[in-house]
Amino acid sequence: MYGGHIVDNWDRDLCMAYLHGLMDNGLTMDDFELFPFVEGKGVSFKTPPNVSFEKYFEHMDSCPPETALMYGLHTNAEIGLGTQQCEYMFEMLTE
């Protein structure tokens, strides 16, 4: 697949294999950990159970702030990002 488009039969076969392997009737998203690779690191982001629309907003407000761990990166990646953001901000201020 290139760019998310199915361009030939090989792409179609590959997509169907993924869909049959990953998607089934038993797939539920209730209380599903969206960042399973952060186990034991004190960060958790689970999907809410099937609740009212207002409860979804409450759940989103209670979510932890975005961290490098959510993307499988080391915590030092946040230091590098913060440094780049500060350098960019001061560069814009001096201009």
PDB file of N, CA and C in Angstrom:
ATOM      1  N   MET A   1       0.847  -1.183   0.000  1.00  0.00           N
ATOM      2  CA  MET A   1       0.000   0.000   0.000  1.00  0.00           C
ATOM      3  C   MET A   1       0.885   1.235   0.000  1.00  0.00           C
ATOM      4  N   TYR A   2       0.519   2.177  -0.767  1.00  0.00           N
ATOM      5  CA  TYR A   2       1.231   3.441  -0.814  1.00  0.00           C
ATOM      6  C   TYR A   2       0.230   4.559  -0.615  1.00  0.00           C
ATOM      7  N   GLY A   3       0.423   5.344   0.421  1.00  0.00           N
ATOM      8  CA  GLY A   3      -0.465   6.470   0.664  1.00  0.00           C
ATOM      9  C   GLY A   3      -1.857   6.070   1.106  1.00  0.00           C
ATOM     10  N   GLY A   4      -2.018   4.856   1.593  1.00  0.00           N
ATOM     11  CA  GLY A   4      -3.315   4.429   2.077  1.00  0.00           C
ATOM     12  C   GLY A   4      -4.267   3.981   0.982  1.00  0.00           C
ATOM     13  N   HIS A   5      -3.784   3.862  -0.236  1.00  0.00           N
ATOM     14  CA  HIS A   5      -4.653   3.462  -1.345  1.00  0.00           C
ATOM     15  C   HIS A   5      -4.322   2.041  -1.772  1.00  0.00           C
ATOM     16  N   ILE A   6      -5.332   1.292  -2.111  1.00  0.00           N
ATOM     17  CA  ILE A   6      -5.142  -0.047  -2.665  1.00  0.00           C
ATOM     18  C   ILE A   6      -5.005   0.115  -4.172  1.00  0.00           C
ATOM     19  N   VAL A   7      -3.839  -0.256  -4.694  1.00  0.00           N
ATOM     20  CA  VAL A   7      -3.568  -0.004  -6.113  1.00  0.00           C
ATOM     21  C   VAL A   7      -3.554  -1.267  -6.965  1.00  0.00           C
ATOM     22  N   ASP A   8      -3.481  -2.438  -6.332  1.00  0.00           N
ATOM     23  CA  ASP A   8      -3.486  -3.670  -7.114  1.00  0.00           C
ATOM     24  C   ASP A   8      -3.986  -4.825  -6.247  1.00  0.00           C
ATOM     25  N   ASN A   9      -4.040  -6.008  -6.820  1.00  0.00           N
ATOM     26  CA  ASN A   9      -4.566  -7.168  -6.093  1.00  0.00           C
ATOM     27  C   ASN A   9      -3.677  -7.568  -4.919  1.00  0.00           C
ATOM     28  N   TRP A  10      -2.383  -7.356  -5.049  1.00  0.00           N
ATOM     29  CA  TRP A  10      -1.471  -7.671  -3.950  1.00  0.00           C
ATOM     30  C   TRP A  10      -1.806  -6.805  -2.734  1.00  0.00           C
ATOM     31  N   ASP A  11      -2.032  -5.508  -2.945  1.00  0.00           N
ATOM     32  CA  ASP A  11      -2.432  -4.623  -1.851  1.00  0.00           C
ATOM     33  C   ASP A  11      -3.757  -5.069  -1.246  1.00  0.00           C
ATOM     34  N   ARG A  12      -4.697  -5.464  -2.081  1.00  0.00           N
ATOM     35  CA  ARG A  12      -6.002  -5.907  -1.601  1.00  0.00           C
ATOM     36  C   ARG A  12      -5.858  -7.170  -0.740  1.00  0.00           C
ATOM     37  N   ASP A  13      -5.049  -8.123  -1.194  1.00  0.00           N
ATOM     38  CA  ASP A  13      -4.826  -9.354  -0.428  1.00  0.00           C
ATOM     39  C   ASP A  13      -4.158  -9.051   0.915  1.00  0.00           C
ATOM     40  N   LEU A  14      -3.184  -8.157   0.897  1.00  0.00           N
ATOM     41  CA  LEU A  14      -2.485  -7.795   2.122  1.00  0.00           C
ATOM     42  C   LEU A  14      -3.436  -7.126   3.115  1.00  0.00           C
ATOM     43  N   CYS A  15      -4.229  -6.190   2.630  1.00  0.00           N
ATOM     44  CA  CYS A  15      -5.191  -5.492   3.498  1.00  0.00           C
ATOM     45  C   CYS A  15      -6.217  -6.463   4.061  1.00  0.00           C
ATOM     46  N   MET A  16      -6.708  -7.351   3.245  1.00  0.00           N
ATOM     47  CA  MET A  16      -7.688  -8.322   3.715  1.00  0.00           C
ATOM     48  C   MET A  16      -7.079  -9.247   4.776  1.00  0.00           C
ATOM     49  N   ALA A  17      -5.814  -9.623   4.608  1.00  0.00           N
ATOM     50  CA  ALA A  17      -5.146 -10.461   5.601  1.00  0.00           C
ATOM     51  C   ALA A  17      -5.055  -9.722   6.941  1.00  0.00           C
ATOM     52  N   TYR A  18      -4.677  -8.443   6.893  1.00  0.00           N
ATOM     53  CA  TYR A  18      -4.623  -7.647   8.125  1.00  0.00           C
ATOM     54  C   TYR A  18      -6.004  -7.514   8.750  1.00  0.00           C
ATOM     55  N   LEU A  19      -7.005  -7.223   7.946  1.00  0.00           N
ATOM     56  CA  LEU A  19      -8.353  -7.042   8.478  1.00  0.00           C
ATOM     57  C   LEU A  19      -8.895  -8.324   9.096  1.00  0.00           C
ATOM     58  N   HIS A  20      -8.669  -9.453   8.443  1.00  0.00           N
ATOM     59  CA  HIS A  20      -9.157 -10.721   8.990  1.00  0.00           C
ATOM     60  C   HIS A  20      -8.393 -11.105  10.251  1.00  0.00           C
ATOM     61  N   GLY A  21      -7.123 -10.735  10.325  1.00  0.00           N
ATOM     62  CA  GLY A  21      -6.317 -11.070  11.498  1.00  0.00           C
ATOM     63  C   GLY A  21      -6.553 -10.151  12.682  1.00  0.00           C
ATOM     64  N   LEU A  22      -6.864  -8.882  12.416  1.00  0.00           N
ATOM     65  CA  LEU A  22      -6.981  -7.910  13.493  1.00  0.00           C
ATOM     66  C   LEU A  22      -8.407  -7.562  13.868  1.00  0.00           C
ATOM     67  N   MET A  23      -9.285  -7.557  12.897  1.00  0.00           N
ATOM     68  CA  MET A  23     -10.670  -7.150  13.163  1.00  0.00           C
ATOM     69  C   MET A  23     -11.563  -8.375  13.265  1.00  0.00           C
ATOM     70  N   ASP A  24     -12.265  -8.485  14.377  1.00  0.00           N
ATOM     71  CA  ASP A  24     -13.242  -9.562  14.521  1.00  0.00           C
ATOM     72  C   ASP A  24     -14.354  -9.095  15.459  1.00  0.00           C
ATOM     73  N   ASN A  25     -15.369  -9.914  15.619  1.00  0.00           N
ATOM     74  CA  ASN A  25     -16.516  -9.541  16.442  1.00  0.00           C
ATOM     75  C   ASN A  25     -16.161  -9.425  17.913  1.00  0.00           C
ATOM     76  N   GLY A  26     -15.094 -10.057  18.341  1.00  0.00           N
ATOM     77  CA  GLY A  26     -14.692  -9.985  19.743  1.00  0.00           C
ATOM     78  C   GLY A  26     -13.893  -8.740  20.088  1.00  0.00           C
ATOM     79  N   LEU A  27     -13.591  -7.936  19.092  1.00  0.00           N
ATOM     80  CA  LEU A  27     -12.800  -6.730  19.321  1.00  0.00           C
ATOM     81  C   LEU A  27     -13.653  -5.674  20.010  1.00  0.00           C
ATOM     82  N   THR A  28     -13.286  -5.322  21.214  1.00  0.00           N
ATOM     83  CA  THR A  28     -13.985  -4.264  21.933  1.00  0.00           C
ATOM     84  C   THR A  28     -12.975  -3.221  22.360  1.00  0.00           C
ATOM     85  N   MET A  29     -13.447  -2.022  22.529  1.00  0.00           N
ATOM     86  CA  MET A  29     -12.566  -0.941  22.933  1.00  0.00           C
ATOM     87  C   MET A  29     -12.843  -0.486  24.364  1.00  0.00           C
ATOM     88  N   ASP A  30     -13.688  -1.199  25.095  1.00  0.00           N
ATOM     89  CA  ASP A  30     -13.978  -0.827  26.472  1.00  0.00           C
ATOM     90  C   ASP A  30     -12.766  -1.088  27.346  1.00  0.00           C
ATOM     91  N   ASP A  31     -12.320  -0.053  28.036  1.00  0.00           N
ATOM     92  CA  ASP A  31     -11.190  -0.143  28.963  1.00  0.00           C
ATOM     93  C   ASP A  31      -9.941  -0.721  28.283  1.00  0.00           C
ATOM     94  N   PHE A  32      -9.668  -0.253  27.092  1.00  0.00           N
ATOM     95  CA  PHE A  32      -8.544  -0.723  26.284  1.00  0.00           C
ATOM     96  C   PHE A  32      -7.369   0.223  26.482  1.00  0.00           C
ATOM     97  N   GLU A  33      -6.206  -0.308  26.797  1.00  0.00           N
ATOM     98  CA  GLU A  33      -5.009   0.510  26.989  1.00  0.00           C
ATOM     99  C   GLU A  33      -4.466   0.928  25.629  1.00  0.00           C
ATOM    100  N   LEU A  34      -4.453   2.236  25.367  1.00  0.00           N
ATOM    101  CA  LEU A  34      -3.996   2.736  24.076  1.00  0.00           C
ATOM    102  C   LEU A  34      -2.478   2.801  23.971  1.00  0.00           C
ATOM    103  N   PHE A  35      -1.788   2.801  25.108  1.00  0.00           N
ATOM    104  CA  PHE A  35      -0.330   2.830  25.109  1.00  0.00           C
ATOM    105  C   PHE A  35       0.198   1.632  25.875  1.00  0.00           C
ATOM    106  N   PRO A  36       0.071   0.415  25.319  1.00  0.00           N
ATOM    107  CA  PRO A  36       0.452  -0.780  26.068  1.00  0.00           C
ATOM    108  C   PRO A  36       1.943  -0.898  26.334  1.00  0.00           C
ATOM    109  N   PHE A  37       2.773  -0.169  25.608  1.00  0.00           N
ATOM    110  CA  PHE A  37       4.213  -0.299  25.780  1.00  0.00           C
ATOM    111  C   PHE A  37       4.743   0.565  26.922  1.00  0.00           C
ATOM    112  N   VAL A  38       3.868   1.205  27.714  1.00  0.00           N
ATOM    113  CA  VAL A  38       4.323   2.009  28.847  1.00  0.00           C
ATOM    114  C   VAL A  38       4.019   1.326  30.177  1.00  0.00           C
ATOM    115  N   GLU A  39       3.819   0.023  30.131  1.00  0.00           N
ATOM    116  CA  GLU A  39       3.511  -0.718  31.350  1.00  0.00           C
ATOM    117  C   GLU A  39       4.607  -0.526  32.387  1.00  0.00           C
ATOM    118  N   GLY A  40       4.187  -0.256  33.628  1.00  0.00           N
ATOM    119  CA  GLY A  40       5.130  -0.094  34.723  1.00  0.00           C
ATOM    120  C   GLY A  40       5.821   1.249  34.762  1.00  0.00           C
ATOM    121  N   LYS A  41       5.426   2.182  33.916  1.00  0.00           N
ATOM    122  CA  LYS A  41       6.090   3.487  33.885  1.00  0.00           C
ATOM    123  C   LYS A  41       5.204   4.599  34.430  1.00  0.00           C
ATOM    124  N   GLY A  42       4.074   4.237  35.017  1.00  0.00           N
ATOM    125  CA  GLY A  42       3.225   5.225  35.663  1.00  0.00           C
ATOM    126  C   GLY A  42       2.355   6.047  34.733  1.00  0.00           C
ATOM    127  N   VAL A  43       2.262   5.669  33.477  1.00  0.00           N
ATOM    128  CA  VAL A  43       1.427   6.382  32.516  1.00  0.00           C
ATOM    129  C   VAL A  43       0.388   5.403  31.993  1.00  0.00           C
ATOM    130  N   SER A  44      -0.849   5.847  31.949  1.00  0.00           N
ATOM    131  CA  SER A  44      -1.903   4.999  31.427  1.00  0.00           C
ATOM    132  C   SER A  44      -2.920   5.864  30.706  1.00  0.00           C
ATOM    133  N   PHE A  45      -3.394   5.377  29.572  1.00  0.00           N
ATOM    134  CA  PHE A  45      -4.413   6.080  28.806  1.00  0.00           C
ATOM    135  C   PHE A  45      -5.365   5.041  28.259  1.00  0.00           C
ATOM    136  N   LYS A  46      -6.431   4.813  29.011  1.00  0.00           N
ATOM    137  CA  LYS A  46      -7.404   3.791  28.629  1.00  0.00           C
ATOM    138  C   LYS A  46      -8.626   4.450  28.012  1.00  0.00           C
ATOM    139  N   THR A  47      -9.260   3.724  27.116  1.00  0.00           N
ATOM    140  CA  THR A  47     -10.501   4.218  26.531  1.00  0.00           C
ATOM    141  C   THR A  47     -11.597   4.155  27.595  1.00  0.00           C
ATOM    142  N   PRO A  48     -12.531   5.085  27.542  1.00  0.00           N
ATOM    143  CA  PRO A  48     -13.604   5.055  28.532  1.00  0.00           C
ATOM    144  C   PRO A  48     -14.616   3.969  28.198  1.00  0.00           C
ATOM    145  N   PRO A  49     -15.368   3.534  29.195  1.00  0.00           N
ATOM    146  CA  PRO A  49     -16.441   2.580  28.894  1.00  0.00           C
ATOM    147  C   PRO A  49     -17.543   3.285  28.107  1.00  0.00           C
ATOM    148  N   ASN A  50     -18.512   2.543  27.658  1.00  0.00           N
ATOM    149  CA  ASN A  50     -19.613   3.110  26.888  1.00  0.00           C
ATOM    150  C   ASN A  50     -20.495   3.930  27.827  1.00  0.00           C
ATOM    151  N   VAL A  51     -20.291   5.257  27.804  1.00  0.00           N
ATOM    152  CA  VAL A  51     -21.011   6.164  28.709  1.00  0.00           C
ATOM    153  C   VAL A  51     -21.618   7.309  27.911  1.00  0.00           C
ATOM    154  N   SER A  52     -22.215   8.243  28.622  1.00  0.00           N
ATOM    155  CA  SER A  52     -22.850   9.385  27.968  1.00  0.00           C
ATOM    156  C   SER A  52     -21.802  10.314  27.372  1.00  0.00           C
ATOM    157  N   PHE A  53     -22.275  11.190  26.501  1.00  0.00           N
ATOM    158  CA  PHE A  53     -21.403  12.135  25.802  1.00  0.00           C
ATOM    159  C   PHE A  53     -20.646  13.020  26.787  1.00  0.00           C
ATOM    160  N   GLU A  54     -21.305  13.485  27.845  1.00  0.00           N
ATOM    161  CA  GLU A  54     -20.675  14.356  28.841  1.00  0.00           C
ATOM    162  C   GLU A  54     -19.562  13.623  29.587  1.00  0.00           C
ATOM    163  N   LYS A  55     -19.774  12.336  29.836  1.00  0.00           N
ATOM    164  CA  LYS A  55     -18.757  11.548  30.540  1.00  0.00           C
ATOM    165  C   LYS A  55     -17.493  11.399  29.689  1.00  0.00           C
ATOM    166  N   TYR A  56     -17.642  11.375  28.366  1.00  0.00           N
ATOM    167  CA  TYR A  56     -16.462  11.328  27.505  1.00  0.00           C
ATOM    168  C   TYR A  56     -15.614  12.580  27.695  1.00  0.00           C
ATOM    169  N   PHE A  57     -16.268  13.740  27.807  1.00  0.00           N
ATOM    170  CA  PHE A  57     -15.517  14.971  28.049  1.00  0.00           C
ATOM    171  C   PHE A  57     -14.804  14.929  29.395  1.00  0.00           C
ATOM    172  N   GLU A  58     -15.482  14.409  30.415  1.00  0.00           N
ATOM    173  CA  GLU A  58     -14.843  14.265  31.722  1.00  0.00           C
ATOM    174  C   GLU A  58     -13.635  13.346  31.637  1.00  0.00           C
ATOM    175  N   HIS A  59     -13.767  12.274  30.874  1.00  0.00           N
ATOM    176  CA  HIS A  59     -12.647  11.341  30.715  1.00  0.00           C
ATOM    177  C   HIS A  59     -11.471  12.023  30.013  1.00  0.00           C
ATOM    178  N   MET A  60     -11.746  12.796  28.976  1.00  0.00           N
ATOM    179  CA  MET A  60     -10.674  13.492  28.255  1.00  0.00           C
ATOM    180  C   MET A  60      -9.965  14.503  29.151  1.00  0.00           C
ATOM    181  N   ASP A  61     -10.722  15.163  30.021  1.00  0.00           N
ATOM    182  CA  ASP A  61     -10.106  16.119  30.940  1.00  0.00           C
ATOM    183  C   ASP A  61      -9.229  15.434  31.978  1.00  0.00           C
ATOM    184  N   SER A  62      -9.515  14.186  32.284  1.00  0.00           N
ATOM    185  CA  SER A  62      -8.734  13.466  33.287  1.00  0.00           C
ATOM    186  C   SER A  62      -7.520  12.746  32.689  1.00  0.00           C
ATOM    187  N   CYS A  63      -7.352  12.795  31.381  1.00  0.00           N
ATOM    188  CA  CYS A  63      -6.239  12.102  30.727  1.00  0.00           C
ATOM    189  C   CYS A  63      -4.907  12.755  31.093  1.00  0.00           C
ATOM    190  N   PRO A  64      -3.848  11.970  31.156  1.00  0.00           N
ATOM    191  CA  PRO A  64      -2.532  12.545  31.479  1.00  0.00           C
ATOM    192  C   PRO A  64      -2.039  13.420  30.339  1.00  0.00           C
ATOM    193  N   PRO A  65      -1.141  14.364  30.655  1.00  0.00           N
ATOM    194  CA  PRO A  65      -0.587  15.195  29.580  1.00  0.00           C
ATOM    195  C   PRO A  65       0.258  14.348  28.627  1.00  0.00           C
ATOM    196  N   GLU A  66       0.432  14.844  27.441  1.00  0.00           N
ATOM    197  CA  GLU A  66       1.187  14.127  26.427  1.00  0.00           C
ATOM    198  C   GLU A  66       2.654  14.012  26.840  1.00  0.00           C
ATOM    199  N   THR A  67       3.189  12.813  26.744  1.00  0.00           N
ATOM    200  CA  THR A  67       4.589  12.578  27.092  1.00  0.00           C
ATOM    201  C   THR A  67       5.248  11.755  25.993  1.00  0.00           C
ATOM    202  N   ALA A  68       6.568  11.737  26.021  1.00  0.00           N
ATOM    203  CA  ALA A  68       7.321  10.947  25.052  1.00  0.00           C
ATOM    204  C   ALA A  68       7.052   9.455  25.231  1.00  0.00           C
ATOM    205  N   LEU A  69       6.744   9.037  26.452  1.00  0.00           N
ATOM    206  CA  LEU A  69       6.462   7.628  26.714  1.00  0.00           C
ATOM    207  C   LEU A  69       5.272   7.131  25.910  1.00  0.00           C
ATOM    208  N   MET A  70       4.328   8.019  25.618  1.00  0.00           N
ATOM    209  CA  MET A  70       3.154   7.622  24.849  1.00  0.00           C
ATOM    210  C   MET A  70       3.518   7.179  23.443  1.00  0.00           C
ATOM    211  N   TYR A  71       4.652   7.623  22.956  1.00  0.00           N
ATOM    212  CA  TYR A  71       5.098   7.275  21.615  1.00  0.00           C
ATOM    213  C   TYR A  71       6.231   6.260  21.627  1.00  0.00           C
ATOM    214  N   GLY A  72       6.481   5.679  22.796  1.00  0.00           N
ATOM    215  CA  GLY A  72       7.520   4.669  22.908  1.00  0.00           C
ATOM    216  C   GLY A  72       8.921   5.248  22.955  1.00  0.00           C
ATOM    217  N   LEU A  73       9.036   6.541  23.241  1.00  0.00           N
ATOM    218  CA  LEU A  73      10.339   7.201  23.296  1.00  0.00           C
ATOM    219  C   LEU A  73      10.840   7.287  24.736  1.00  0.00           C
ATOM    220  N   HIS A  74      12.125   7.453  24.875  1.00  0.00           N
ATOM    221  CA  HIS A  74      12.731   7.638  26.191  1.00  0.00           C
ATOM    222  C   HIS A  74      12.349   9.012  26.729  1.00  0.00           C
ATOM    223  N   THR A  75      12.327   9.162  28.049  1.00  0.00           N
ATOM    224  CA  THR A  75      11.943  10.450  28.635  1.00  0.00           C
ATOM    225  C   THR A  75      12.907  11.567  28.256  1.00  0.00           C
ATOM    226  N   ASN A  76      14.143  11.228  27.888  1.00  0.00           N
ATOM    227  CA  ASN A  76      15.088  12.262  27.456  1.00  0.00           C
ATOM    228  C   ASN A  76      14.657  12.922  26.157  1.00  0.00           C
ATOM    229  N   ALA A  77      13.779  12.271  25.410  1.00  0.00           N
ATOM    230  CA  ALA A  77      13.273  12.878  24.184  1.00  0.00           C
ATOM    231  C   ALA A  77      12.497  14.149  24.500  1.00  0.00           C
ATOM    232  N   GLU A  78      11.844  14.193  25.662  1.00  0.00           N
ATOM    233  CA  GLU A  78      11.122  15.391  26.074  1.00  0.00           C
ATOM    234  C   GLU A  78      12.081  16.540  26.329  1.00  0.00           C
ATOM    235  N   ILE A  79      13.244  16.229  26.862  1.00  0.00           N
ATOM    236  CA  ILE A  79      14.242  17.264  27.108  1.00  0.00           C
ATOM    237  C   ILE A  79      14.684  17.874  25.785  1.00  0.00           C
ATOM    238  N   GLY A  80      14.944  17.032  24.805  1.00  0.00           N
ATOM    239  CA  GLY A  80      15.334  17.531  23.490  1.00  0.00           C
ATOM    240  C   GLY A  80      14.241  18.372  22.848  1.00  0.00           C
ATOM    241  N   LEU A  81      12.998  17.927  22.971  1.00  0.00           N
ATOM    242  CA  LEU A  81      11.885  18.679  22.415  1.00  0.00           C
ATOM    243  C   LEU A  81      11.754  20.030  23.101  1.00  0.00           C
ATOM    244  N   GLY A  82      11.825  20.047  24.428  1.00  0.00           N
ATOM    245  CA  GLY A  82      11.734  21.316  25.161  1.00  0.00           C
ATOM    246  C   GLY A  82      12.841  22.274  24.786  1.00  0.00           C
ATOM    247  N   THR A  83      14.043  21.737  24.595  1.00  0.00           N
ATOM    248  CA  THR A  83      15.172  22.572  24.184  1.00  0.00           C
ATOM    249  C   THR A  83      14.929  23.179  22.809  1.00  0.00           C
ATOM    250  N   GLN A  84      14.465  22.366  21.875  1.00  0.00           N
ATOM    251  CA  GLN A  84      14.170  22.880  20.528  1.00  0.00           C
ATOM    252  C   GLN A  84      13.076  23.931  20.549  1.00  0.00           C
ATOM    253  N   GLN A  85      12.036  23.713  21.355  1.00  0.00           N
ATOM    254  CA  GLN A  85      10.946  24.682  21.436  1.00  0.00           C
ATOM    255  C   GLN A  85      11.428  26.005  22.017  1.00  0.00           C
ATOM    256  N   CYS A  86      12.253  25.949  23.050  1.00  0.00           N
ATOM    257  CA  CYS A  86      12.786  27.181  23.646  1.00  0.00           C
ATOM    258  C   CYS A  86      13.685  27.923  22.674  1.00  0.00           C
ATOM    259  N   GLU A  87      14.555  27.179  21.989  1.00  0.00           N
ATOM    260  CA  GLU A  87      15.434  27.828  21.025  1.00  0.00           C
ATOM    261  C   GLU A  87      14.626  28.498  19.922  1.00  0.00           C
ATOM    262  N   TYR A  88      13.593  27.840  19.439  1.00  0.00           N
ATOM    263  CA  TYR A  88      12.747  28.406  18.405  1.00  0.00           C
ATOM    264  C   TYR A  88      12.025  29.645  18.910  1.00  0.00           C
ATOM    265  N   MET A  89      11.492  29.577  20.134  1.00  0.00           N
ATOM    266  CA  MET A  89      10.764  30.711  20.691  1.00  0.00           C
ATOM    267  C   MET A  89      11.680  31.925  20.841  1.00  0.00           C
ATOM    268  N   PHE A  90      12.883  31.729  21.378  1.00  0.00           N
ATOM    269  CA  PHE A  90      13.808  32.852  21.546  1.00  0.00           C
ATOM    270  C   PHE A  90      14.317  33.376  20.217  1.00  0.00           C
ATOM    271  N   GLU A  91      14.456  32.492  19.237  1.00  0.00           N
ATOM    272  CA  GLU A  91      14.846  32.930  17.903  1.00  0.00           C
ATOM    273  C   GLU A  91      13.764  33.836  17.313  1.00  0.00           C
ATOM    274  N   MET A  92      12.509  33.471  17.483  1.00  0.00           N
ATOM    275  CA  MET A  92      11.400  34.289  16.985  1.00  0.00           C
ATOM    276  C   MET A  92      11.323  35.620  17.736  1.00  0.00           C
ATOM    277  N   LEU A  93      11.592  35.601  19.039  1.00  0.00           N
ATOM    278  CA  LEU A  93      11.553  36.825  19.821  1.00  0.00           C
ATOM    279  C   LEU A  93      12.662  37.797  19.422  1.00  0.00           C
ATOM    280  N   THR A  94      13.842  37.259  19.139  1.00  0.00           N
ATOM    281  CA  THR A  94      14.960  38.135  18.765  1.00  0.00           C
ATOM    282  C   THR A  94      14.798  38.703  17.363  1.00  0.00           C
ATOM    283  N   GLU A  95      14.059  38.010  16.518  1.00  0.00           N
ATOM    284  CA  GLU A  95      13.840  38.540  15.169  1.00  0.00           C
ATOM    285  C   GLU A  95      12.865  39.704  15.252  1.00  0.00           C
TER     286      GLU A  95
END
